[in-house]
Amino acid sequence: MDSRYKLVQAWRIKDGTRDLINDPVTCENPLTIYFNDRELVTLLCTLEHVDELAVGFLYSEGFIKSRDDIQEIKIETRVNSVRVVVRNPGVIAEQTFLKRYITTGCGKGTTFYHLSDAVCRPVESNLRIESSRLLDLMTQAQRRSELFKTTGGVHSSALCTGTGIVFFREDIGRHNTIDKLAGRCFLDGIGTSDKVLLTTGRISSEVLVKIAKMGVPLIASRSAPTDLALSLAGELGVTVAAFVRNQRMNVYTHPERINP
């Protein structure tokens, strides 16, 4: 049995009949992230690639700046925790430790910045991609989403080049899928200025900030954007394409990167 979901009993009512079935349901688990010796935050997530999730979260929130900052990553599966030990934590951890804000994320997402404090450099990239290729990549990503096919209970995100998917991640939270990708790139030293990020979730302001901090020039979603996300995308040089499905899409910012 796949540990990412469990079978639960449910009554299925269809065509006027009722049958008892075993239905696959996504597992939702708490994961506590420790920053050196301090408990920082507990995320609700799907328990795979938890090292990526912890590192990606810390990176996107400004707690770590480079791979050399990390001394050790300790995963405790018994208690669902990840401890990231860094050499020079700096002052941001102390400044933001108690500044937790509820976001629009699934499972009461947590973030440690005001949007006015989300200092990002504008993304610079020569990336160009055809709209037909972007639609094809979205189709490829959908086919990879095995956990969604089984349970219907997760989001997914994929980091792509113009020719295919580099990394694909699923989780109950759309923020978590992006943090996992960010963590993988951070740990492996993978450049992102020539990459596209696909997601199934809504493009909100905090998602856009994560993308900009990663240095990804284009985010595409099957879902919708928010007005604040688009405002930030315009300022930060990020191309936003939404409703990417059924052979169409809406491109809201920096459309020069997508060729019709």
Protein backbone atom coordinates (compact mmCIF):
# COMPACT_ATOMS: atom_id res chain seq x y z
CA MET A 1 0.00 0.00 0.00
CA ASP A 2 1.24 3.48 -0.89
CA SER A 3 1.89 5.35 2.38
CA ARG A 4 0.70 8.61 0.80
CA TYR A 5 -2.94 7.50 1.05
CA LYS A 6 -5.15 5.09 2.96
CA LEU A 7 -8.38 3.26 2.19
CA VAL A 8 -11.44 4.36 4.12
CA GLN A 9 -14.98 3.09 3.93
CA ALA A 10 -17.59 5.27 2.25
CA TRP A 11 -21.08 4.89 0.88
CA ARG A 12 -21.17 5.60 -2.84
CA ILE A 13 -24.56 6.77 -4.04
CA LYS A 14 -24.98 6.57 -7.80
CA ASP A 15 -27.98 6.10 -10.08
CA GLY A 16 -30.29 5.66 -7.11
CA THR A 17 -28.26 2.89 -5.47
CA ARG A 18 -25.95 2.89 -2.45
CA ASP A 19 -22.84 0.70 -2.17
CA LEU A 20 -20.17 0.38 0.51
CA ILE A 21 -16.73 0.94 -1.01
CA ASN A 22 -13.10 1.35 0.07
CA ASP A 23 -12.09 4.81 -1.11
CA PRO A 24 -8.44 6.01 -1.32
CA VAL A 25 -7.97 9.22 0.71
CA THR A 26 -4.80 11.34 0.77
CA CYS A 27 -2.85 11.26 4.04
CA GLU A 28 -2.41 14.66 5.70
CA ASN A 29 0.46 14.82 8.17
CA PRO A 30 2.11 17.48 10.35
CA LEU A 31 5.81 18.09 9.69
CA THR A 32 7.73 20.17 12.24
CA ILE A 33 10.70 22.14 10.95
CA TYR A 34 13.51 22.97 13.35
CA PHE A 35 15.93 25.77 12.53
CA ASN A 36 19.07 24.80 14.45
CA ASP A 37 17.76 24.16 17.99
CA ARG A 38 14.49 26.06 17.70
CA GLU A 39 11.12 24.73 16.64
CA LEU A 40 10.13 27.06 13.83
CA VAL A 41 6.88 25.92 12.26
CA THR A 42 4.69 22.88 11.66
CA LEU A 43 3.43 22.41 8.12
CA LEU A 44 0.61 20.12 7.02
CA CYS A 45 1.88 18.11 4.09
CA THR A 46 2.35 14.85 2.24
CA LEU A 47 5.29 13.05 3.83
CA GLU A 48 7.66 12.66 0.90
CA HIS A 49 10.66 14.77 -0.09
CA VAL A 50 10.46 16.37 3.35
CA ASP A 51 14.10 17.51 3.21
CA GLU A 52 13.29 19.48 0.07
CA LEU A 53 10.18 20.94 1.70
CA ALA A 54 12.08 22.10 4.78
CA VAL A 55 14.96 23.61 2.82
CA GLY A 56 12.67 25.18 0.23
CA PHE A 57 10.51 26.73 2.95
CA LEU A 58 13.53 28.16 4.78
CA TYR A 59 15.00 29.48 1.55
CA SER A 60 11.79 31.09 0.31
CA GLU A 61 11.27 32.76 3.71
CA GLY A 62 14.83 34.12 3.79
CA PHE A 63 16.26 31.99 6.60
CA ILE A 64 19.04 30.56 4.42
CA LYS A 65 20.82 32.19 1.51
CA SER A 66 23.18 29.60 0.04
CA ARG A 67 23.89 25.87 0.10
CA ASP A 68 27.03 26.53 2.11
CA ASP A 69 24.86 27.81 4.98
CA ILE A 70 23.59 24.29 5.63
CA GLN A 71 25.69 22.14 7.93
CA GLU A 72 23.32 19.20 8.33
CA ILE A 73 19.76 18.05 7.58
CA LYS A 74 18.30 15.58 10.09
CA ILE A 75 15.05 13.76 9.26
CA GLU A 76 13.21 12.12 12.18
CA THR A 77 10.53 9.94 10.63
CA ARG A 78 9.33 8.69 14.01
CA VAL A 79 8.14 12.15 15.06
CA ASN A 80 7.69 13.71 11.60
CA SER A 81 10.32 16.41 11.90
CA VAL A 82 13.20 17.88 9.94
CA ARG A 83 16.03 19.76 11.64
CA VAL A 84 18.10 22.03 9.41
CA VAL A 85 21.38 23.01 11.07
CA VAL A 86 23.03 26.13 9.65
CA ARG A 87 26.37 27.73 10.44
CA ASN A 88 25.45 31.41 10.39
CA PRO A 89 21.71 31.87 11.03
CA GLY A 90 21.94 35.68 11.01
CA VAL A 91 19.31 37.95 12.50
CA ILE A 92 16.28 37.23 10.32
CA ALA A 93 15.30 34.16 12.35
CA GLU A 94 15.12 36.18 15.56
CA GLN A 95 13.30 39.06 13.86
CA THR A 96 10.60 36.90 12.31
CA PHE A 97 10.30 33.94 14.66
CA LEU A 98 6.99 35.06 16.17
CA LYS A 99 5.69 36.90 13.07
CA ARG A 100 3.47 34.20 11.63
CA TYR A 101 0.66 35.10 9.28
CA ILE A 102 -2.15 32.94 7.96
CA THR A 103 -2.01 32.88 4.17
CA THR A 104 -4.34 31.60 1.47
CA GLY A 105 -2.51 28.26 1.44
CA CYS A 106 -4.12 24.89 1.99
CA GLY A 107 -3.95 23.82 5.63
CA LYS A 108 -3.51 27.40 6.95
CA GLY A 109 -0.26 28.13 5.17
CA THR A 110 2.32 30.05 7.17
CA THR A 111 4.63 32.77 5.96
CA PHE A 112 7.08 35.00 7.78
CA TYR A 113 6.98 38.22 5.77
CA HIS A 114 4.71 41.11 5.02
CA LEU A 115 4.47 41.53 1.27
CA SER A 116 6.04 44.95 1.70
CA ASP A 117 9.07 43.16 3.20
CA ALA A 118 9.33 40.60 0.40
CA VAL A 119 12.44 42.04 -1.18
CA CYS A 120 13.13 40.36 -4.51
CA ARG A 121 15.26 41.38 -7.42
CA PRO A 122 13.40 41.46 -10.72
CA VAL A 123 13.80 38.22 -12.62
CA GLU A 124 16.02 38.49 -15.69
CA SER A 125 15.77 35.82 -18.37
CA ASN A 126 15.94 35.31 -22.11
CA LEU A 127 13.45 32.46 -21.92
CA ARG A 128 11.06 32.09 -24.86
CA ILE A 129 8.55 29.28 -25.32
CA GLU A 130 5.76 28.53 -27.74
CA SER A 131 2.24 28.39 -26.34
CA SER A 132 1.71 24.95 -27.88
CA ARG A 133 4.79 23.68 -26.02
CA LEU A 134 3.51 25.10 -22.75
CA LEU A 135 0.19 23.34 -23.22
CA ASP A 136 2.01 20.10 -24.00
CA LEU A 137 4.12 20.39 -20.82
CA MET A 138 0.95 20.93 -18.78
CA THR A 139 -0.52 17.77 -20.30
CA GLN A 140 2.66 15.85 -19.45
CA ALA A 141 2.47 17.08 -15.86
CA GLN A 142 -1.15 15.97 -15.55
CA ARG A 143 -0.19 12.48 -16.69
CA ARG A 144 2.51 12.34 -14.00
CA SER A 145 0.05 13.08 -11.21
CA GLU A 146 -0.51 9.53 -9.97
CA LEU A 147 -1.54 10.49 -6.45
CA PHE A 148 -4.17 12.89 -7.79
CA LYS A 149 -5.47 10.19 -10.12
CA THR A 150 -5.83 7.88 -7.12
CA THR A 151 -7.25 10.28 -4.52
CA GLY A 152 -8.17 13.58 -6.21
CA GLY A 153 -6.80 15.22 -3.06
CA VAL A 154 -3.47 16.85 -3.93
CA HIS A 155 -1.90 19.69 -5.87
CA SER A 156 1.12 19.26 -8.10
CA SER A 157 3.89 21.43 -9.52
CA ALA A 158 6.58 20.75 -12.09
CA LEU A 159 9.82 22.47 -13.00
CA CYS A 160 10.41 22.25 -16.73
CA THR A 161 12.76 23.16 -19.51
CA GLY A 162 11.43 23.86 -22.98
CA THR A 163 11.77 20.17 -23.79
CA GLY A 164 10.41 18.36 -20.74
CA ILE A 165 9.85 18.00 -17.01
CA VAL A 166 12.92 18.15 -14.77
CA PHE A 167 11.23 17.64 -11.36
CA PHE A 168 7.63 16.87 -10.42
CA ARG A 169 6.19 17.09 -6.91
CA GLU A 170 2.75 16.45 -5.35
CA ASP A 171 1.40 17.54 -1.96
CA ILE A 172 -1.84 18.47 -0.21
CA GLY A 173 -0.71 22.13 -0.27
CA ARG A 174 0.16 24.03 -3.43
CA HIS A 175 2.74 26.06 -1.49
CA ASN A 176 4.43 22.84 -0.41
CA THR A 177 4.83 21.59 -3.99
CA ILE A 178 6.67 24.78 -4.92
CA ASP A 179 8.83 24.72 -1.78
CA LYS A 180 9.82 21.14 -2.58
CA LEU A 181 10.96 22.20 -6.05
CA ALA A 182 12.79 25.20 -4.60
CA GLY A 183 14.49 22.96 -2.06
CA ARG A 184 15.65 20.50 -4.70
CA CYS A 185 17.10 23.27 -6.86
CA PHE A 186 18.73 24.87 -3.83
CA LEU A 187 20.36 21.63 -2.67
CA ASP A 188 21.57 20.66 -6.15
CA GLY A 189 22.62 24.14 -7.25
CA ILE A 190 20.28 24.05 -10.25
CA GLY A 191 19.79 27.31 -12.13
CA THR A 192 16.20 28.38 -12.76
CA SER A 193 16.43 31.42 -15.05
CA ASP A 194 15.78 29.19 -18.07
CA LYS A 195 12.99 27.16 -16.45
CA VAL A 196 9.18 27.18 -16.40
CA LEU A 197 7.16 26.28 -13.33
CA LEU A 198 3.77 24.61 -13.79
CA THR A 199 1.23 24.31 -11.01
CA THR A 200 -2.34 23.17 -10.54
CA GLY A 201 -3.03 25.70 -7.79
CA ARG A 202 -4.21 29.28 -7.73
CA ILE A 203 -1.44 31.85 -8.29
CA SER A 204 -1.66 34.03 -5.20
CA SER A 205 0.71 36.75 -4.05
CA GLU A 206 2.74 34.49 -1.76
CA VAL A 207 3.11 31.90 -4.53
CA LEU A 208 4.33 34.63 -6.88
CA VAL A 209 6.90 35.80 -4.33
CA LYS A 210 8.21 32.25 -3.98
CA ILE A 211 8.59 32.03 -7.76
CA ALA A 212 10.41 35.36 -7.93
CA LYS A 213 12.78 34.37 -5.12
CA MET A 214 13.56 31.18 -7.03
CA GLY A 215 14.38 33.28 -10.10
CA VAL A 216 11.86 31.43 -12.30
CA PRO A 217 10.74 33.72 -15.16
CA LEU A 218 7.44 32.01 -16.02
CA ILE A 219 4.69 30.39 -13.96
CA ALA A 220 1.76 28.66 -15.62
CA SER A 221 -1.32 27.29 -13.86
CA ARG A 222 -4.50 25.46 -14.72
CA SER A 223 -6.17 27.74 -12.18
CA ALA A 224 -6.57 31.50 -11.71
CA PRO A 225 -4.32 34.34 -10.51
CA THR A 226 -5.13 37.08 -8.00
CA ASP A 227 -4.81 40.79 -8.69
CA LEU A 228 -2.00 41.27 -6.14
CA ALA A 229 -0.06 38.38 -7.66
CA LEU A 230 -0.31 40.03 -11.08
CA SER A 231 0.76 43.39 -9.71
CA LEU A 232 3.84 41.79 -8.14
CA ALA A 233 4.54 39.77 -11.29
CA GLY A 234 4.57 42.95 -13.37
CA GLU A 235 7.05 44.60 -11.01
CA LEU A 236 9.26 41.52 -10.59
CA GLY A 237 9.50 40.51 -14.24
CA VAL A 238 7.58 37.24 -13.97
CA THR A 239 5.35 35.99 -16.78
CA VAL A 240 2.02 34.69 -15.50
CA ALA A 241 -0.09 32.35 -17.66
CA ALA A 242 -3.31 31.02 -16.15
CA PHE A 243 -6.20 28.78 -17.19
CA VAL A 244 -3.67 26.75 -19.20
CA ARG A 245 -5.96 23.99 -20.38
CA ASN A 246 -8.18 22.91 -23.26
CA GLN A 247 -5.77 24.36 -25.85
CA ARG A 248 -5.98 27.90 -24.49
CA MET A 249 -4.50 30.18 -21.84
CA ASN A 250 -4.57 33.75 -20.56
CA VAL A 251 -1.20 35.54 -20.36
CA TYR A 252 -1.36 38.44 -17.92
CA THR A 253 2.18 39.79 -17.52
CA HIS A 254 5.32 39.95 -19.64
CA PRO A 255 3.70 38.18 -22.61
CA GLU A 256 6.83 38.48 -24.76
CA ARG A 257 8.12 35.19 -23.32
CA ILE A 258 5.25 33.17 -24.83
CA ASN A 259 5.01 32.95 -28.61
CA PRO A 260 1.51 32.25 -30.00
